[in-house]
Amino acid sequence: MVKKLVVKKLKSVAKDSQLSATIRDSAEQIWLAGLGAFAKAQEEGTKVFDALIREGEAIQKKTRKVTEDKVTEMASKATGTWDKLEQVFETRVARSLNSLGVPTKDDVAELAKRVAELKAEVAKLNSKAAKPKTVAPKATAPRKAAPKAAKPAAPKAAPKAAE
């Protein structure tokens, strides 16, 4: 029986050593495959790295273009919105000022224009008044002598007394 046990044990060890050898061979092949992959990666690595950089640059350019287009579009929309908002604000302020009787810029400009016109007219009238009128002497007909008033008669001398 001991003999049977030893034979069994030897067969078992033989099977275990076959299994170990197979595992060892597989591990060695996996290791060699890893080394081969590493060598290939080193060899091809710079090419792959350069290719990835080129692809990244191309994607960055596309993304930047799309982003710039969107920013431009949004900026134009925002500008339009701000312009509308500003117009609404100006309209409301103008309406409020008008209801308070505050003249508008156009009203003031119109008044300034009218004042300038009136100033010009006043200056024109003043220049006419300042000039002395040169009146030509009227031609007069020779004057008739006015009838002289009758001189009172001298009192008659009284007869002289006899001398």
N, C-alpha and C. Protein backbone atom coordinates (compact mmCIF):
# COMPACT_ATOMS: atom_id res chain seq x y z
N MET A 1 0.77 -1.15 0.00
CA MET A 1 0.00 0.00 0.00
C MET A 1 0.86 1.27 0.00
N VAL A 2 1.81 1.28 0.72
CA VAL A 2 2.71 2.41 0.76
C VAL A 2 3.24 2.62 -0.65
N LYS A 3 3.45 1.57 -1.32
CA LYS A 3 3.94 1.67 -2.67
C LYS A 3 2.91 2.38 -3.53
N LYS A 4 1.69 2.04 -3.35
CA LYS A 4 0.63 2.67 -4.12
C LYS A 4 0.55 4.16 -3.77
N LEU A 5 0.69 4.46 -2.55
CA LEU A 5 0.62 5.84 -2.11
C LEU A 5 1.79 6.64 -2.69
N VAL A 6 2.95 6.08 -2.71
CA VAL A 6 4.13 6.77 -3.23
C VAL A 6 3.96 6.97 -4.73
N VAL A 7 3.44 5.96 -5.43
CA VAL A 7 3.24 6.07 -6.87
C VAL A 7 2.19 7.15 -7.12
N LYS A 8 1.17 7.12 -6.35
CA LYS A 8 0.12 8.13 -6.50
C LYS A 8 0.70 9.52 -6.23
N LYS A 9 1.52 9.60 -5.24
CA LYS A 9 2.11 10.86 -4.88
C LYS A 9 3.02 11.33 -5.99
N LEU A 10 3.79 10.44 -6.56
CA LEU A 10 4.69 10.79 -7.64
C LEU A 10 3.90 11.23 -8.88
N LYS A 11 2.82 10.53 -9.17
CA LYS A 11 1.98 10.91 -10.30
C LYS A 11 1.38 12.30 -10.04
N SER A 12 0.99 12.53 -8.82
CA SER A 12 0.40 13.80 -8.45
C SER A 12 1.45 14.90 -8.59
N VAL A 13 2.67 14.64 -8.15
CA VAL A 13 3.74 15.61 -8.24
C VAL A 13 4.07 15.85 -9.70
N ALA A 14 4.07 14.79 -10.49
CA ALA A 14 4.35 14.92 -11.91
C ALA A 14 3.29 15.82 -12.56
N LYS A 15 2.04 15.57 -12.20
CA LYS A 15 0.96 16.41 -12.74
C LYS A 15 1.14 17.85 -12.28
N ASP A 16 1.51 18.02 -11.02
CA ASP A 16 1.71 19.37 -10.49
C ASP A 16 2.87 20.05 -11.20
N SER A 17 3.93 19.30 -11.47
CA SER A 17 5.07 19.92 -12.12
C SER A 17 4.76 20.24 -13.57
N GLN A 18 3.91 19.43 -14.22
CA GLN A 18 3.47 19.73 -15.58
C GLN A 18 2.63 21.00 -15.57
N LEU A 19 1.73 21.10 -14.60
CA LEU A 19 0.89 22.28 -14.46
C LEU A 19 1.75 23.50 -14.19
N SER A 20 2.73 23.35 -13.33
CA SER A 20 3.63 24.45 -13.00
C SER A 20 4.41 24.87 -14.22
N ALA A 21 4.87 23.91 -14.97
CA ALA A 21 5.64 24.22 -16.17
C ALA A 21 4.76 24.97 -17.17
N THR A 22 3.52 24.51 -17.30
CA THR A 22 2.60 25.18 -18.23
C THR A 22 2.34 26.61 -17.78
N ILE A 23 2.11 26.76 -16.49
CA ILE A 23 1.86 28.12 -15.95
C ILE A 23 3.11 28.98 -16.14
N ARG A 24 4.28 28.36 -15.87
CA ARG A 24 5.52 29.10 -16.02
C ARG A 24 5.71 29.51 -17.47
N ASP A 25 5.44 28.64 -18.40
CA ASP A 25 5.58 28.95 -19.83
C ASP A 25 4.60 30.07 -20.24
N SER A 26 3.37 29.97 -19.74
CA SER A 26 2.37 31.00 -20.07
C SER A 26 2.79 32.35 -19.50
N ALA A 27 3.26 32.36 -18.27
CA ALA A 27 3.70 33.61 -17.66
C ALA A 27 4.86 34.21 -18.43
N GLU A 28 5.78 33.33 -18.86
CA GLU A 28 6.92 33.81 -19.63
C GLU A 28 6.47 34.39 -20.95
N GLN A 29 5.50 33.75 -21.61
CA GLN A 29 4.99 34.27 -22.89
C GLN A 29 4.28 35.62 -22.68
N ILE A 30 3.51 35.70 -21.59
CA ILE A 30 2.83 36.99 -21.30
C ILE A 30 3.86 38.08 -21.06
N TRP A 31 4.91 37.75 -20.31
CA TRP A 31 5.97 38.71 -20.04
C TRP A 31 6.63 39.15 -21.33
N LEU A 32 6.94 38.20 -22.19
CA LEU A 32 7.60 38.52 -23.46
C LEU A 32 6.68 39.36 -24.36
N ALA A 33 5.38 39.03 -24.32
CA ALA A 33 4.42 39.82 -25.11
C ALA A 33 4.39 41.27 -24.58
N GLY A 34 4.43 41.42 -23.27
CA GLY A 34 4.45 42.77 -22.68
C GLY A 34 5.69 43.52 -23.08
N LEU A 35 6.84 42.85 -23.04
CA LEU A 35 8.09 43.49 -23.46
C LEU A 35 8.04 43.88 -24.93
N GLY A 36 7.46 42.98 -25.75
CA GLY A 36 7.32 43.28 -27.19
C GLY A 36 6.41 44.48 -27.41
N ALA A 37 5.31 44.52 -26.65
CA ALA A 37 4.39 45.66 -26.77
C ALA A 37 5.07 46.95 -26.34
N PHE A 38 5.84 46.89 -25.28
CA PHE A 38 6.56 48.06 -24.81
C PHE A 38 7.56 48.54 -25.86
N ALA A 39 8.31 47.61 -26.46
CA ALA A 39 9.29 47.96 -27.49
C ALA A 39 8.58 48.59 -28.69
N LYS A 40 7.44 47.98 -29.08
CA LYS A 40 6.66 48.51 -30.21
C LYS A 40 6.16 49.92 -29.88
N ALA A 41 5.67 50.09 -28.64
CA ALA A 41 5.16 51.39 -28.23
C ALA A 41 6.26 52.43 -28.25
N GLN A 42 7.45 52.03 -27.81
CA GLN A 42 8.58 52.96 -27.84
C GLN A 42 8.92 53.33 -29.26
N GLU A 43 8.94 52.34 -30.10
CA GLU A 43 9.28 52.54 -31.51
C GLU A 43 8.24 53.40 -32.21
N GLU A 44 6.98 53.09 -32.00
CA GLU A 44 5.88 53.79 -32.66
C GLU A 44 5.38 54.99 -31.84
N GLY A 45 5.84 55.09 -30.62
CA GLY A 45 5.33 56.10 -29.70
C GLY A 45 5.44 57.52 -30.21
N THR A 46 6.59 57.89 -30.73
CA THR A 46 6.76 59.25 -31.21
C THR A 46 5.85 59.54 -32.39
N LYS A 47 5.66 58.52 -33.25
CA LYS A 47 4.76 58.71 -34.39
C LYS A 47 3.33 58.89 -33.90
N VAL A 48 2.92 58.06 -32.98
CA VAL A 48 1.56 58.14 -32.44
C VAL A 48 1.38 59.47 -31.70
N PHE A 49 2.41 59.84 -30.93
CA PHE A 49 2.33 61.09 -30.17
C PHE A 49 2.19 62.29 -31.11
N ASP A 50 2.99 62.31 -32.16
CA ASP A 50 2.90 63.40 -33.15
C ASP A 50 1.54 63.42 -33.83
N ALA A 51 1.02 62.25 -34.15
CA ALA A 51 -0.30 62.16 -34.77
C ALA A 51 -1.37 62.69 -33.82
N LEU A 52 -1.25 62.36 -32.54
CA LEU A 52 -2.22 62.87 -31.55
C LEU A 52 -2.14 64.39 -31.42
N ILE A 53 -0.94 64.93 -31.48
CA ILE A 53 -0.78 66.39 -31.42
C ILE A 53 -1.46 67.04 -32.62
N ARG A 54 -1.24 66.49 -33.81
CA ARG A 54 -1.87 67.06 -35.02
C ARG A 54 -3.39 67.02 -34.91
N GLU A 55 -3.92 65.90 -34.44
CA GLU A 55 -5.37 65.77 -34.28
C GLU A 55 -5.89 66.77 -33.24
N GLY A 56 -5.14 66.93 -32.17
CA GLY A 56 -5.53 67.88 -31.13
C GLY A 56 -5.54 69.31 -31.65
N GLU A 57 -4.53 69.67 -32.44
CA GLU A 57 -4.48 71.02 -33.03
C GLU A 57 -5.65 71.25 -33.96
N ALA A 58 -5.98 70.26 -34.77
CA ALA A 58 -7.10 70.40 -35.70
C ALA A 58 -8.41 70.58 -34.93
N ILE A 59 -8.60 69.81 -33.89
CA ILE A 59 -9.82 69.93 -33.08
C ILE A 59 -9.86 71.29 -32.38
N GLN A 60 -8.69 71.74 -31.90
CA GLN A 60 -8.64 73.03 -31.23
C GLN A 60 -9.02 74.16 -32.20
N LYS A 61 -8.51 74.11 -33.45
CA LYS A 61 -8.85 75.13 -34.44
C LYS A 61 -10.35 75.15 -34.72
N LYS A 62 -10.93 73.96 -34.90
CA LYS A 62 -12.37 73.88 -35.16
C LYS A 62 -13.16 74.43 -33.98
N THR A 63 -12.74 74.03 -32.78
CA THR A 63 -13.44 74.48 -31.57
C THR A 63 -13.32 75.99 -31.42
N ARG A 64 -12.13 76.53 -31.66
CA ARG A 64 -11.91 77.98 -31.54
C ARG A 64 -12.79 78.73 -32.54
N LYS A 65 -12.87 78.23 -33.79
CA LYS A 65 -13.69 78.88 -34.82
C LYS A 65 -15.15 78.87 -34.42
N VAL A 66 -15.64 77.72 -33.97
CA VAL A 66 -17.04 77.61 -33.55
C VAL A 66 -17.30 78.54 -32.37
N THR A 67 -16.36 78.57 -31.42
CA THR A 67 -16.52 79.43 -30.25
C THR A 67 -16.55 80.89 -30.64
N GLU A 68 -15.63 81.30 -31.52
CA GLU A 68 -15.60 82.70 -31.96
C GLU A 68 -16.89 83.07 -32.68
N ASP A 69 -17.39 82.17 -33.53
CA ASP A 69 -18.65 82.42 -34.23
C ASP A 69 -19.79 82.61 -33.23
N LYS A 70 -19.84 81.73 -32.23
CA LYS A 70 -20.91 81.82 -31.23
C LYS A 70 -20.78 83.10 -30.41
N VAL A 71 -19.54 83.47 -30.05
CA VAL A 71 -19.33 84.70 -29.28
C VAL A 71 -19.77 85.90 -30.10
N THR A 72 -19.42 85.93 -31.38
CA THR A 72 -19.82 87.03 -32.26
C THR A 72 -21.34 87.10 -32.37
N GLU A 73 -21.96 85.95 -32.55
CA GLU A 73 -23.42 85.90 -32.66
C GLU A 73 -24.07 86.40 -31.37
N MET A 74 -23.58 85.94 -30.25
CA MET A 74 -24.16 86.34 -28.97
C MET A 74 -23.92 87.83 -28.71
N ALA A 75 -22.74 88.33 -29.11
CA ALA A 75 -22.44 89.74 -28.92
C ALA A 75 -23.39 90.60 -29.74
N SER A 76 -23.67 90.19 -30.98
CA SER A 76 -24.58 90.98 -31.81
C SER A 76 -26.00 90.94 -31.23
N LYS A 77 -26.41 89.78 -30.71
CA LYS A 77 -27.73 89.70 -30.08
C LYS A 77 -27.78 90.58 -28.84
N ALA A 78 -26.71 90.54 -28.05
CA ALA A 78 -26.67 91.34 -26.83
C ALA A 78 -26.69 92.83 -27.16
N THR A 79 -25.95 93.22 -28.20
CA THR A 79 -25.93 94.63 -28.61
C THR A 79 -27.32 95.07 -29.03
N GLY A 80 -27.99 94.23 -29.82
CA GLY A 80 -29.36 94.55 -30.24
C GLY A 80 -30.28 94.69 -29.05
N THR A 81 -30.14 93.80 -28.09
CA THR A 81 -30.97 93.85 -26.89
C THR A 81 -30.68 95.11 -26.10
N TRP A 82 -29.40 95.45 -25.95
CA TRP A 82 -29.05 96.67 -25.21
C TRP A 82 -29.57 97.91 -25.93
N ASP A 83 -29.49 97.91 -27.26
CA ASP A 83 -30.00 99.06 -28.02
C ASP A 83 -31.50 99.22 -27.80
N LYS A 84 -32.23 98.11 -27.83
CA LYS A 84 -33.67 98.17 -27.60
C LYS A 84 -33.96 98.66 -26.19
N LEU A 85 -33.23 98.14 -25.22
CA LEU A 85 -33.42 98.53 -23.83
C LEU A 85 -33.13 100.02 -23.65
N GLU A 86 -32.07 100.49 -24.27
CA GLU A 86 -31.70 101.89 -24.18
C GLU A 86 -32.79 102.77 -24.81
N GLN A 87 -33.33 102.34 -25.94
CA GLN A 87 -34.39 103.11 -26.60
C GLN A 87 -35.63 103.18 -25.73
N VAL A 88 -36.01 102.06 -25.12
CA VAL A 88 -37.17 102.04 -24.23
C VAL A 88 -36.94 102.99 -23.06
N PHE A 89 -35.73 102.96 -22.48
CA PHE A 89 -35.41 103.83 -21.36
C PHE A 89 -35.49 105.30 -21.77
N GLU A 90 -34.89 105.64 -22.91
CA GLU A 90 -34.91 107.02 -23.39
C GLU A 90 -36.33 107.50 -23.64
N THR A 91 -37.16 106.64 -24.23
CA THR A 91 -38.55 107.00 -24.51
C THR A 91 -39.30 107.29 -23.21
N ARG A 92 -39.11 106.44 -22.22
CA ARG A 92 -39.81 106.64 -20.94
C ARG A 92 -39.34 107.90 -20.23
N VAL A 93 -38.05 108.15 -20.24
CA VAL A 93 -37.52 109.36 -19.60
C VAL A 93 -38.04 110.59 -20.33
N ALA A 94 -38.05 110.56 -21.65
CA ALA A 94 -38.54 111.70 -22.43
C ALA A 94 -40.02 111.96 -22.13
N ARG A 95 -40.79 110.89 -22.04
CA ARG A 95 -42.21 111.02 -21.74
C ARG A 95 -42.40 111.64 -20.34
N SER A 96 -41.61 111.19 -19.37
CA SER A 96 -41.71 111.72 -18.01
C SER A 96 -41.33 113.19 -17.98
N LEU A 97 -40.24 113.54 -18.65
CA LEU A 97 -39.80 114.94 -18.67
C LEU A 97 -40.83 115.82 -19.38
N ASN A 98 -41.41 115.30 -20.44
CA ASN A 98 -42.43 116.04 -21.17
C ASN A 98 -43.65 116.31 -20.30
N SER A 99 -44.04 115.30 -19.51
CA SER A 99 -45.21 115.49 -18.65
C SER A 99 -44.92 116.50 -17.55
N LEU A 100 -43.63 116.69 -17.20
CA LEU A 100 -43.26 117.70 -16.21
C LEU A 100 -43.07 119.07 -16.85
N GLY A 101 -43.13 119.13 -18.16
CA GLY A 101 -42.99 120.41 -18.86
C GLY A 101 -41.55 120.77 -19.16
N VAL A 102 -40.64 119.84 -19.06
CA VAL A 102 -39.24 120.11 -19.36
C VAL A 102 -39.07 120.07 -20.87
N PRO A 103 -38.49 121.14 -21.45
CA PRO A 103 -38.33 121.14 -22.91
C PRO A 103 -37.32 120.09 -23.36
N THR A 104 -37.56 119.60 -24.57
CA THR A 104 -36.66 118.60 -25.13
C THR A 104 -35.47 119.28 -25.79
N LYS A 105 -34.51 118.50 -26.20
CA LYS A 105 -33.34 119.02 -26.89
C LYS A 105 -33.77 119.73 -28.18
N ASP A 106 -34.73 119.14 -28.88
CA ASP A 106 -35.23 119.75 -30.12
C ASP A 106 -35.91 121.08 -29.84
N ASP A 107 -36.68 121.14 -28.73
CA ASP A 107 -37.35 122.39 -28.36
C ASP A 107 -36.31 123.48 -28.10
N VAL A 108 -35.28 123.15 -27.36
CA VAL A 108 -34.23 124.13 -27.04
C VAL A 108 -33.52 124.56 -28.31
N ALA A 109 -33.25 123.62 -29.20
CA ALA A 109 -32.57 123.96 -30.46
C ALA A 109 -33.45 124.89 -31.30
N GLU A 110 -34.74 124.61 -31.34
CA GLU A 110 -35.66 125.46 -32.10
C GLU A 110 -35.71 126.86 -31.51
N LEU A 111 -35.76 126.94 -30.19
CA LEU A 111 -35.77 128.26 -29.53
C LEU A 111 -34.47 129.01 -29.79
N ALA A 112 -33.36 128.32 -29.75
CA ALA A 112 -32.07 128.96 -30.00
C ALA A 112 -32.02 129.50 -31.43
N LYS A 113 -32.57 128.75 -32.37
CA LYS A 113 -32.62 129.19 -33.76
C LYS A 113 -33.48 130.44 -33.88
N ARG A 114 -34.63 130.44 -33.22
CA ARG A 114 -35.55 131.59 -33.28
C ARG A 114 -34.92 132.82 -32.63
N VAL A 115 -34.21 132.62 -31.51
CA VAL A 115 -33.53 133.74 -30.85
C VAL A 115 -32.48 134.32 -31.78
N ALA A 116 -31.74 133.47 -32.47
CA ALA A 116 -30.72 133.94 -33.41
C ALA A 116 -31.37 134.76 -34.53
N GLU A 117 -32.51 134.30 -35.04
CA GLU A 117 -33.22 135.04 -36.09
C GLU A 117 -33.67 136.40 -35.58
N LEU A 118 -34.24 136.42 -34.38
CA LEU A 118 -34.71 137.69 -33.81
C LEU A 118 -33.54 138.64 -33.54
N LYS A 119 -32.42 138.11 -33.10
CA LYS A 119 -31.24 138.93 -32.87
C LYS A 119 -30.79 139.59 -34.16
N ALA A 120 -30.83 138.83 -35.24
CA ALA A 120 -30.42 139.36 -36.54
C ALA A 120 -31.37 140.48 -36.97
N GLU A 121 -32.66 140.28 -36.76
CA GLU A 121 -33.64 141.32 -37.13
C GLU A 121 -33.44 142.58 -36.29
N VAL A 122 -33.21 142.42 -35.00
CA VAL A 122 -32.99 143.59 -34.11
C VAL A 122 -31.74 144.33 -34.56
N ALA A 123 -30.69 143.61 -34.87
CA ALA A 123 -29.45 144.24 -35.31
C ALA A 123 -29.68 145.01 -36.61
N LYS A 124 -30.47 144.43 -37.49
CA LYS A 124 -30.78 145.08 -38.77
C LYS A 124 -31.56 146.38 -38.51
N LEU A 125 -32.54 146.31 -37.63
CA LEU A 125 -33.34 147.50 -37.32
C LEU A 125 -32.49 148.56 -36.63
N ASN A 126 -31.61 148.16 -35.73
CA ASN A 126 -30.74 149.11 -35.03
C ASN A 126 -29.78 149.78 -36.00
N SER A 127 -29.29 149.04 -36.98
CA SER A 127 -28.35 149.64 -37.92
C SER A 127 -29.07 150.68 -38.79
N LYS A 128 -30.33 150.45 -39.09
CA LYS A 128 -31.10 151.43 -39.89
C LYS A 128 -31.36 152.68 -39.06
N ALA A 129 -31.66 152.52 -37.78
CA ALA A 129 -31.96 153.66 -36.91
C ALA A 129 -30.71 154.45 -36.62
N ALA A 130 -29.57 153.84 -36.59
CA ALA A 130 -28.33 154.53 -36.25
C ALA A 130 -27.84 155.40 -37.40
N LYS A 131 -28.19 155.11 -38.60
CA LYS A 131 -27.75 155.90 -39.74
C LYS A 131 -28.53 157.21 -39.77
N PRO A 132 -27.83 158.35 -39.83
CA PRO A 132 -28.57 159.63 -39.91
C PRO A 132 -29.23 159.72 -41.27
N LYS A 133 -30.44 160.23 -41.23
CA LYS A 133 -31.16 160.37 -42.49
C LYS A 133 -30.64 161.61 -43.18
N THR A 134 -30.28 161.47 -44.35
CA THR A 134 -29.83 162.63 -45.13
C THR A 134 -31.03 163.07 -45.93
N VAL A 135 -31.63 164.19 -45.46
CA VAL A 135 -32.82 164.70 -46.12
C VAL A 135 -32.39 165.84 -47.02
N ALA A 136 -32.72 165.76 -48.24
CA ALA A 136 -32.37 166.82 -49.18
C ALA A 136 -33.24 168.02 -48.86
N PRO A 137 -32.64 169.20 -48.84
CA PRO A 137 -33.46 170.39 -48.54
C PRO A 137 -34.50 170.55 -49.64
N LYS A 138 -35.64 170.93 -49.18
CA LYS A 138 -36.73 171.09 -50.13
C LYS A 138 -36.49 172.37 -50.90
N ALA A 139 -36.78 172.32 -52.15
CA ALA A 139 -36.66 173.54 -52.95
C ALA A 139 -37.82 174.44 -52.56
N THR A 140 -37.50 175.61 -52.14
CA THR A 140 -38.57 176.50 -51.70
C THR A 140 -38.73 177.63 -52.70
N ALA A 141 -39.93 178.02 -52.83
CA ALA A 141 -40.21 179.14 -53.73
C ALA A 141 -39.76 180.41 -53.03
N PRO A 142 -39.34 181.38 -53.78
CA PRO A 142 -38.89 182.61 -53.13
C PRO A 142 -40.03 183.15 -52.28
N ARG A 143 -39.70 183.59 -51.18
CA ARG A 143 -40.71 184.07 -50.23
C ARG A 143 -41.20 185.43 -50.66
N LYS A 144 -42.45 185.57 -50.51
CA LYS A 144 -43.03 186.90 -50.77
C LYS A 144 -42.83 187.68 -49.49
N ALA A 145 -42.58 188.90 -49.68
CA ALA A 145 -42.38 189.71 -48.50
C ALA A 145 -43.69 189.80 -47.77
N ALA A 146 -43.60 189.62 -46.56
CA ALA A 146 -44.81 189.65 -45.78
C ALA A 146 -45.29 191.10 -45.74
N PRO A 147 -46.55 191.26 -45.83
CA PRO A 147 -47.02 192.65 -45.81
C PRO A 147 -46.61 193.28 -44.49
N LYS A 148 -46.04 194.42 -44.64
CA LYS A 148 -45.55 195.09 -43.46
C LYS A 148 -46.74 195.66 -42.73
N ALA A 149 -46.61 195.64 -41.55
CA ALA A 149 -47.70 196.20 -40.74
C ALA A 149 -47.64 197.71 -40.85
N ALA A 150 -48.73 198.28 -40.90
CA ALA A 150 -48.78 199.73 -41.07
C ALA A 150 -48.21 200.38 -39.84
N LYS A 151 -47.36 201.35 -40.14
CA LYS A 151 -46.74 202.01 -39.01
C LYS A 151 -47.76 202.97 -38.45
N PRO A 152 -47.78 203.03 -37.24
CA PRO A 152 -48.75 203.99 -36.68
C PRO A 152 -48.34 205.41 -37.11
N ALA A 153 -49.27 206.14 -37.40
CA ALA A 153 -49.00 207.50 -37.89
C ALA A 153 -48.41 208.30 -36.76
N ALA A 154 -47.47 209.08 -37.16
CA ALA A 154 -46.82 209.88 -36.15
C ALA A 154 -47.78 210.96 -35.72
N PRO A 155 -47.84 211.26 -34.51
CA PRO A 155 -48.80 212.25 -34.10
C PRO A 155 -48.47 213.59 -34.78
N LYS A 156 -49.48 214.18 -35.15
CA LYS A 156 -49.29 215.44 -35.85
C LYS A 156 -48.78 216.44 -34.80
N ALA A 157 -47.91 217.15 -35.30
CA ALA A 157 -47.35 218.11 -34.37
C ALA A 157 -48.37 219.24 -34.15
N ALA A 158 -48.42 219.64 -33.00
CA ALA A 158 -49.37 220.69 -32.68
C ALA A 158 -48.86 221.98 -33.28
N PRO A 159 -49.76 222.81 -33.65
CA PRO A 159 -49.25 224.03 -34.25
C PRO A 159 -48.38 224.73 -33.24
N LYS A 160 -47.47 225.23 -33.79
CA LYS A 160 -46.49 225.83 -32.94
C LYS A 160 -47.08 227.18 -32.49
N ALA A 161 -46.80 227.39 -31.39
CA ALA A 161 -47.26 228.67 -30.88
C ALA A 161 -46.42 229.78 -31.48
N ALA A 162 -47.01 230.85 -31.49
CA ALA A 162 -46.31 231.90 -32.17
C ALA A 162 -45.04 232.20 -31.41
N GLU A 163 -44.34 232.41 -32.22
CA GLU A 163 -43.04 232.61 -31.68
C GLU A 163 -42.82 234.05 -31.61
